[in-house]
């Protein structure tokens, strides 16, 4: 199965973010060591955690892109969520835990950071690089939102595209973390009290723990099994009811099988005059409508409960071109 354009875009976003974070982590670490700034060292751990996250997301994207097999008839998309959950744990432990530990140690053994101008320069350069990575993830989210006619905020909060959402949250948190580091260095330089530098490091650690918790919970719900949001379900039901032979949708079930795969199952009442042929034609039309609505709807299972049909009519689309969120 060929790689979809959207999946390729996800890979490029993750690779760019990983390259930026690796370079920034090394630079922050060296300057933090030279200047003695706990906040900069915390930011180095922040970038190191983000780099680890991108590596795990990359592995998840590659493994999740494997085609379906007889043992895995719905493919391997959901494995992406497992690796993304591990990435959230890495952010929690490496970024959050070590940053807080560094801040506490700085408060216990205060040492005023030296060469603050160097620290400011690194923070400024890092902010520019993180902004480039963030801008790419924002453009990708906005493009998806326009394609599926949903608000970008809805995709950020509930979307199934875990890699892009993770990069967005991490880059946004990185910019906030840089602001905290800059404030800590500035206040320490102005007051001569290293306490501010240590407090900034702790604040960065708490920020990372919050980001890890949000991403971890989102991936956990997707692993357990999460349906399309209510707005998306309403649009799916509307498309089904638009099929002439469909009289009523008794039950509608949706499930994210992965970032690139949505399953739809519905119990349908057809008009009483519908023959078996009419039901077959209506099922084909329903499939076309749903795929046009959300291109990541790969599997459609319709259970006719009225008219001429008596057996379930499954429909599947084996090779989507792009993911969708409801």
Protein backbone atom coordinates (compact mmCIF):
# COMPACT_ATOMS: atom_id res chain seq x y z
CA UNK A 1 0.00 0.00 0.00
CA UNK A 2 1.49 3.35 -1.01
CA UNK A 3 2.08 6.05 1.56
CA UNK A 4 -0.64 8.69 1.59
CA UNK A 5 0.26 12.37 1.07
CA UNK A 6 -1.02 13.17 4.57
CA UNK A 7 1.10 10.44 6.14
CA UNK A 8 4.12 11.79 4.27
CA UNK A 9 3.34 15.25 5.62
CA UNK A 10 3.20 13.84 9.15
CA UNK A 11 6.61 12.23 8.70
CA UNK A 12 8.14 15.47 7.44
CA UNK A 13 6.63 17.40 10.34
CA UNK A 14 8.01 14.91 12.87
CA UNK A 15 11.47 14.80 11.23
CA UNK A 16 11.71 18.61 11.13
CA UNK A 17 10.66 18.89 14.77
CA UNK A 18 13.12 16.18 15.80
CA UNK A 19 16.05 17.81 13.97
CA UNK A 20 15.25 21.21 15.48
CA UNK A 21 14.90 19.83 19.00
CA UNK A 22 18.11 17.82 18.83
CA UNK A 23 20.16 20.83 17.75
CA UNK A 24 18.49 23.08 20.29
CA UNK A 25 18.97 20.53 23.10
CA UNK A 26 22.72 20.32 22.51
CA UNK A 27 23.08 24.11 22.32
CA UNK A 28 20.98 24.74 25.44
CA UNK A 29 22.87 22.07 27.35
CA UNK A 30 26.30 23.47 26.49
CA UNK A 31 25.33 27.06 27.25
CA UNK A 32 23.47 26.02 30.39
CA UNK A 33 26.58 24.22 31.62
CA UNK A 34 28.83 27.22 30.81
CA UNK A 35 26.52 29.82 32.35
CA UNK A 36 25.32 27.67 35.25
CA UNK A 37 21.66 28.48 34.50
CA UNK A 38 19.28 25.86 35.88
CA UNK A 39 16.50 27.20 33.65
CA UNK A 40 18.59 26.67 30.52
CA UNK A 41 19.56 23.18 31.66
CA UNK A 42 15.87 22.48 32.22
CA UNK A 43 15.16 23.73 28.72
CA UNK A 44 17.89 21.41 27.41
CA UNK A 45 16.08 18.51 29.08
CA UNK A 46 12.84 19.83 27.60
CA UNK A 47 14.31 19.71 24.09
CA UNK A 48 15.88 16.31 24.77
CA UNK A 49 12.47 14.99 25.82
CA UNK A 50 10.92 16.44 22.67
CA UNK A 51 13.62 14.79 20.55
CA UNK A 52 12.87 11.44 22.19
CA UNK A 53 9.19 12.05 21.52
CA UNK A 54 9.80 12.70 17.83
CA UNK A 55 11.86 9.51 17.52
CA UNK A 56 9.04 7.48 19.07
CA UNK A 57 6.43 9.20 16.88
CA UNK A 58 8.53 8.46 13.80
CA UNK A 59 8.72 4.78 14.74
CA UNK A 60 4.97 4.75 15.35
CA UNK A 61 4.21 6.32 11.97
CA UNK A 62 6.41 3.84 10.12
CA UNK A 63 5.03 0.79 11.93
CA UNK A 64 1.45 2.03 11.70
CA UNK A 65 1.76 2.42 7.92
CA UNK A 66 2.21 -1.31 7.38
CA UNK A 67 -0.56 -2.84 5.21
CA UNK A 68 -3.31 -5.12 6.58
CA UNK A 69 -2.67 -8.84 6.89
CA UNK A 70 -4.86 -11.87 7.54
CA UNK A 71 -3.98 -11.64 11.24
CA UNK A 72 -4.43 -7.85 11.28
CA UNK A 73 -7.32 -7.30 8.86
CA UNK A 74 -7.80 -3.66 9.90
CA UNK A 75 -4.12 -2.83 9.53
CA UNK A 76 -1.60 -1.55 12.08
CA UNK A 77 -2.70 2.10 12.40
CA UNK A 78 -3.54 1.80 16.07
CA UNK A 79 0.08 0.95 16.90
CA UNK A 80 0.80 4.63 16.28
CA UNK A 81 -1.11 5.42 19.47
CA UNK A 82 1.03 3.02 21.51
CA UNK A 83 4.24 4.74 20.45
CA UNK A 84 2.64 8.16 21.00
CA UNK A 85 1.69 7.08 24.53
CA UNK A 86 5.31 6.05 25.15
CA UNK A 87 6.34 9.48 23.83
CA UNK A 88 4.10 11.16 26.41
CA UNK A 89 5.71 9.05 29.15
CA UNK A 90 9.15 10.12 27.90
CA UNK A 91 8.10 13.78 28.09
CA UNK A 92 6.83 13.23 31.63
CA UNK A 93 9.98 11.48 32.89
CA UNK A 94 12.80 13.10 30.93
CA UNK A 95 11.41 16.58 30.53
CA UNK A 96 9.19 17.09 33.55
CA UNK A 97 10.93 15.02 36.19
CA UNK A 98 14.51 16.05 35.45
CA UNK A 99 13.61 19.74 35.05
CA UNK A 100 11.96 19.83 38.46
CA UNK A 101 14.91 17.97 39.99
CA UNK A 102 17.32 20.49 38.41
CA UNK A 103 15.28 23.40 39.75
CA UNK A 104 15.12 21.99 43.27
CA UNK A 105 18.88 21.39 43.24
CA UNK A 106 19.48 24.96 42.02
CA UNK A 107 17.44 26.33 44.92
CA UNK A 108 19.24 24.14 47.46
CA UNK A 109 22.69 25.01 46.13
CA UNK A 110 22.26 28.48 44.62
CA UNK A 111 24.82 29.61 42.09
CA UNK A 112 24.22 32.79 40.16
CA UNK A 113 24.27 32.18 36.39
CA UNK A 114 27.18 33.80 34.55
CA UNK A 115 27.24 35.42 31.09
CA UNK A 116 23.49 36.16 30.87
CA UNK A 117 23.91 37.70 27.40
CA UNK A 118 24.94 34.31 26.04
CA UNK A 119 21.88 32.76 27.65
CA UNK A 120 19.63 35.41 26.08
CA UNK A 121 21.16 34.76 22.64
CA UNK A 122 20.55 31.00 22.88
CA UNK A 123 16.98 31.54 24.04
CA UNK A 124 16.33 33.88 21.10
CA UNK A 125 17.78 31.50 18.51
CA UNK A 126 15.90 28.56 20.02
CA UNK A 127 12.65 30.56 19.92
CA UNK A 128 13.12 31.21 16.20
CA UNK A 129 13.78 27.53 15.44
CA UNK A 130 10.86 26.32 17.56
CA UNK A 131 8.60 28.85 15.83
CA UNK A 132 9.52 27.39 12.42
CA UNK A 133 8.58 23.90 13.59
CA UNK A 134 5.38 25.17 15.22
CA UNK A 135 4.39 27.05 12.07
CA UNK A 136 4.59 23.83 10.03
CA UNK A 137 2.35 21.91 12.43
CA UNK A 138 -0.13 24.83 12.52
CA UNK A 139 -0.29 24.92 8.71
CA UNK A 140 -0.93 21.19 8.63
CA UNK A 141 -3.74 21.47 11.18
CA UNK A 142 -5.30 24.41 9.31
CA UNK A 143 -5.15 22.52 6.01
CA UNK A 144 -6.96 19.53 7.56
CA UNK A 145 -9.53 21.84 9.12
CA UNK A 146 -10.29 23.48 5.75
CA UNK A 147 -10.45 20.11 4.01
CA UNK A 148 -12.99 18.68 6.43
CA UNK A 149 -14.80 21.93 7.22
CA UNK A 150 -14.18 21.86 10.98
CA UNK A 151 -12.64 24.47 13.31
CA UNK A 152 -8.86 24.01 13.79
CA UNK A 153 -9.38 24.06 17.55
CA UNK A 154 -11.57 20.96 17.24
CA UNK A 155 -8.71 19.08 15.59
CA UNK A 156 -6.27 20.24 18.26
CA UNK A 157 -8.56 19.06 21.05
CA UNK A 158 -10.10 15.88 19.63
CA UNK A 159 -8.30 14.99 16.41
CA UNK A 160 -6.99 11.49 15.77
CA UNK A 161 -3.82 12.73 14.04
CA UNK A 162 -1.63 12.14 17.08
CA UNK A 163 1.79 12.94 15.53
CA UNK A 164 0.81 16.43 14.33
CA UNK A 165 -1.03 17.21 17.57
CA UNK A 166 1.97 16.07 19.62
CA UNK A 167 4.36 18.28 17.64
CA UNK A 168 1.96 21.23 17.99
CA UNK A 169 1.67 20.86 21.77
CA UNK A 170 5.39 20.28 22.23
CA UNK A 171 6.45 23.28 20.14
CA UNK A 172 3.90 25.53 21.83
CA UNK A 173 5.13 24.34 25.23
CA UNK A 174 8.73 24.89 24.09
CA UNK A 175 8.03 28.55 23.36
CA UNK A 176 6.36 28.99 26.74
CA UNK A 177 9.30 27.20 28.36
CA UNK A 178 11.77 29.53 26.65
CA UNK A 179 9.80 32.51 27.95
CA UNK A 180 10.00 31.05 31.47
CA UNK A 181 13.74 30.42 31.09
CA UNK A 182 14.28 33.96 29.85
CA UNK A 183 12.30 35.36 32.77
CA UNK A 184 14.31 33.27 35.24
CA UNK A 185 17.65 34.40 33.83
CA UNK A 186 16.50 38.04 33.67
CA UNK A 187 15.16 38.12 37.24
CA UNK A 188 18.27 36.42 38.58
CA UNK A 189 20.47 38.88 36.70
CA UNK A 190 18.44 41.86 37.93
CA UNK A 191 18.12 40.83 41.59
CA UNK A 192 21.24 38.75 42.05
CA UNK A 193 19.07 36.03 43.57
CA UNK A 194 19.47 32.58 41.90
CA UNK A 195 16.12 31.52 43.37
CA UNK A 196 14.35 32.81 40.26
CA UNK A 197 16.44 30.61 38.00
CA UNK A 198 15.54 27.54 40.03
CA UNK A 199 11.85 28.46 40.12
CA UNK A 200 11.86 28.88 36.34
CA UNK A 201 13.30 25.37 35.99
CA UNK A 202 10.55 23.94 38.21
CA UNK A 203 7.88 25.83 36.25
CA UNK A 204 9.24 24.35 33.00
CA UNK A 205 9.05 20.87 34.53
CA UNK A 206 5.44 21.38 35.62
CA UNK A 207 4.57 22.66 32.14
CA UNK A 208 5.98 19.51 30.56
CA UNK A 209 4.10 17.28 32.98
CA UNK A 210 0.85 19.01 31.99
CA UNK A 211 1.59 18.55 28.27
CA UNK A 212 2.48 14.88 28.85
CA UNK A 213 -0.76 14.35 30.79
CA UNK A 214 -2.91 15.88 28.02
CA UNK A 215 -1.23 13.89 25.24
CA UNK A 216 -1.12 10.70 27.30
CA UNK A 217 -4.82 10.84 28.12
CA UNK A 218 -5.73 11.53 24.49
CA UNK A 219 -3.72 8.54 23.26
CA UNK A 220 -5.15 6.34 25.99
CA UNK A 221 -8.72 7.11 24.93
CA UNK A 222 -7.83 6.36 21.30
CA UNK A 223 -6.24 3.06 22.30
CA UNK A 224 -9.30 2.05 24.31
CA UNK A 225 -11.51 3.00 21.38
CA UNK A 226 -12.92 6.45 20.60
CA UNK A 227 -15.62 7.39 18.15
CA UNK A 228 -15.88 10.38 15.86
CA UNK A 229 -17.01 13.53 17.77
CA UNK A 230 -20.71 14.36 17.85
CA UNK A 231 -20.45 16.94 15.08
CA UNK A 232 -18.85 14.37 12.77
CA UNK A 233 -21.43 11.70 13.65
CA UNK A 234 -24.21 14.15 12.83
CA UNK A 235 -22.69 14.77 9.39
CA UNK A 236 -22.33 11.04 8.76
CA UNK A 237 -25.96 10.44 9.72
CA UNK A 238 -27.05 13.33 7.49
CA UNK A 239 -25.27 11.77 4.51
CA UNK A 240 -26.84 8.39 5.17
CA UNK A 241 -30.34 9.90 5.38
CA UNK A 242 -29.69 11.70 2.08
CA UNK A 243 -29.66 8.34 0.28
CA UNK A 244 -33.15 8.02 -1.33
CA UNK A 245 -33.85 4.45 -0.20
CA UNK A 246 -32.88 5.12 3.44
CA UNK A 247 -35.81 5.84 5.71
CA UNK A 248 -34.16 5.96 9.13
CA UNK A 249 -30.79 5.42 10.82
CA UNK A 250 -31.62 3.37 13.90
CA UNK A 251 -28.07 3.12 15.25
CA UNK A 252 -24.76 4.66 14.21
CA UNK A 253 -21.38 3.51 15.52
CA UNK A 254 -18.00 5.01 14.59
CA UNK A 255 -14.49 4.11 15.67
CA UNK A 256 -11.00 5.45 15.06
CA UNK A 257 -8.94 2.42 14.07
CA UNK A 258 -5.93 4.71 13.73
CA UNK A 259 -4.90 8.21 12.61
CA UNK A 260 -5.68 7.22 9.00
CA UNK A 261 -8.68 4.94 9.49
CA UNK A 262 -12.31 5.39 10.53
CA UNK A 263 -14.84 2.55 10.74
CA UNK A 264 -18.56 3.25 10.37
CA UNK A 265 -21.29 0.74 11.24
CA UNK A 266 -24.99 1.60 11.01
CA UNK A 267 -28.31 -0.15 11.44
CA UNK A 268 -30.48 1.19 8.62
CA UNK A 269 -34.24 1.15 7.98
CA UNK A 270 -34.87 1.14 4.24
CA UNK A 271 -38.18 2.13 2.68
CA UNK A 272 -40.69 -0.72 2.60
CA UNK A 273 -40.74 -0.81 -1.19
CA UNK A 274 -36.96 -1.27 -1.50
CA UNK A 275 -35.87 -4.49 -3.19
CA UNK A 276 -32.60 -6.30 -2.59
CA UNK A 277 -31.19 -4.54 -5.64
CA UNK A 278 -32.33 -1.18 -4.28
CA UNK A 279 -30.58 -1.91 -0.99
CA UNK A 280 -27.36 -2.83 -2.82
CA UNK A 281 -27.46 0.36 -4.88
CA UNK A 282 -28.22 2.44 -1.78
CA UNK A 283 -25.30 0.86 0.08
CA UNK A 284 -22.96 1.76 -2.78
CA UNK A 285 -24.20 5.33 -2.78
CA UNK A 286 -23.88 5.58 1.01
CA UNK A 287 -20.28 4.40 0.77
CA UNK A 288 -19.44 7.00 -1.88
CA UNK A 289 -21.06 9.77 0.13
CA UNK A 290 -19.24 8.89 3.34
CA UNK A 291 -15.83 8.58 1.65
CA UNK A 292 -16.38 11.96 -0.01
CA UNK A 293 -17.29 13.39 3.39
CA UNK A 294 -14.32 11.94 5.32
CA UNK A 295 -11.62 10.33 3.11
CA UNK A 296 -10.32 8.28 6.05
CA UNK A 297 -13.57 6.34 6.29
CA UNK A 298 -12.14 3.05 5.07
CA UNK A 299 -14.76 0.60 6.34
CA UNK A 300 -18.55 1.01 6.07
CA UNK A 301 -20.85 -1.72 7.42
CA UNK A 302 -24.59 -1.25 6.87
CA UNK A 303 -27.14 -3.55 8.49
CA UNK A 304 -30.48 -3.34 6.62
CA UNK A 305 -33.42 -3.81 8.96
CA UNK A 306 -36.26 -2.98 6.54
CA UNK A 307 -37.17 -3.12 2.86
CA UNK A 308 -35.85 -5.93 0.71
CA UNK A 309 -32.53 -6.51 2.49
CA UNK A 310 -32.05 -9.10 5.22
CA UNK A 311 -28.30 -9.40 5.61
CA UNK A 312 -25.54 -7.00 6.56
CA UNK A 313 -23.86 -5.31 3.61
CA UNK A 314 -20.20 -4.53 4.41
CA UNK A 315 -18.29 -1.92 2.43
CA UNK A 316 -14.58 -1.23 2.72
CA UNK A 317 -12.07 1.09 1.15
CA UNK A 318 -8.59 -0.48 1.31
CA UNK A 319 -6.33 2.45 0.45
CA UNK A 320 -7.28 5.94 1.72
CA UNK A 321 -5.46 8.98 0.42
CA UNK A 322 -5.67 11.14 3.54
CA UNK A 323 -6.97 11.03 7.14
CA UNK A 324 -10.00 12.87 8.46
CA UNK A 325 -11.39 14.05 11.75
CA UNK A 326 -15.00 14.67 12.56
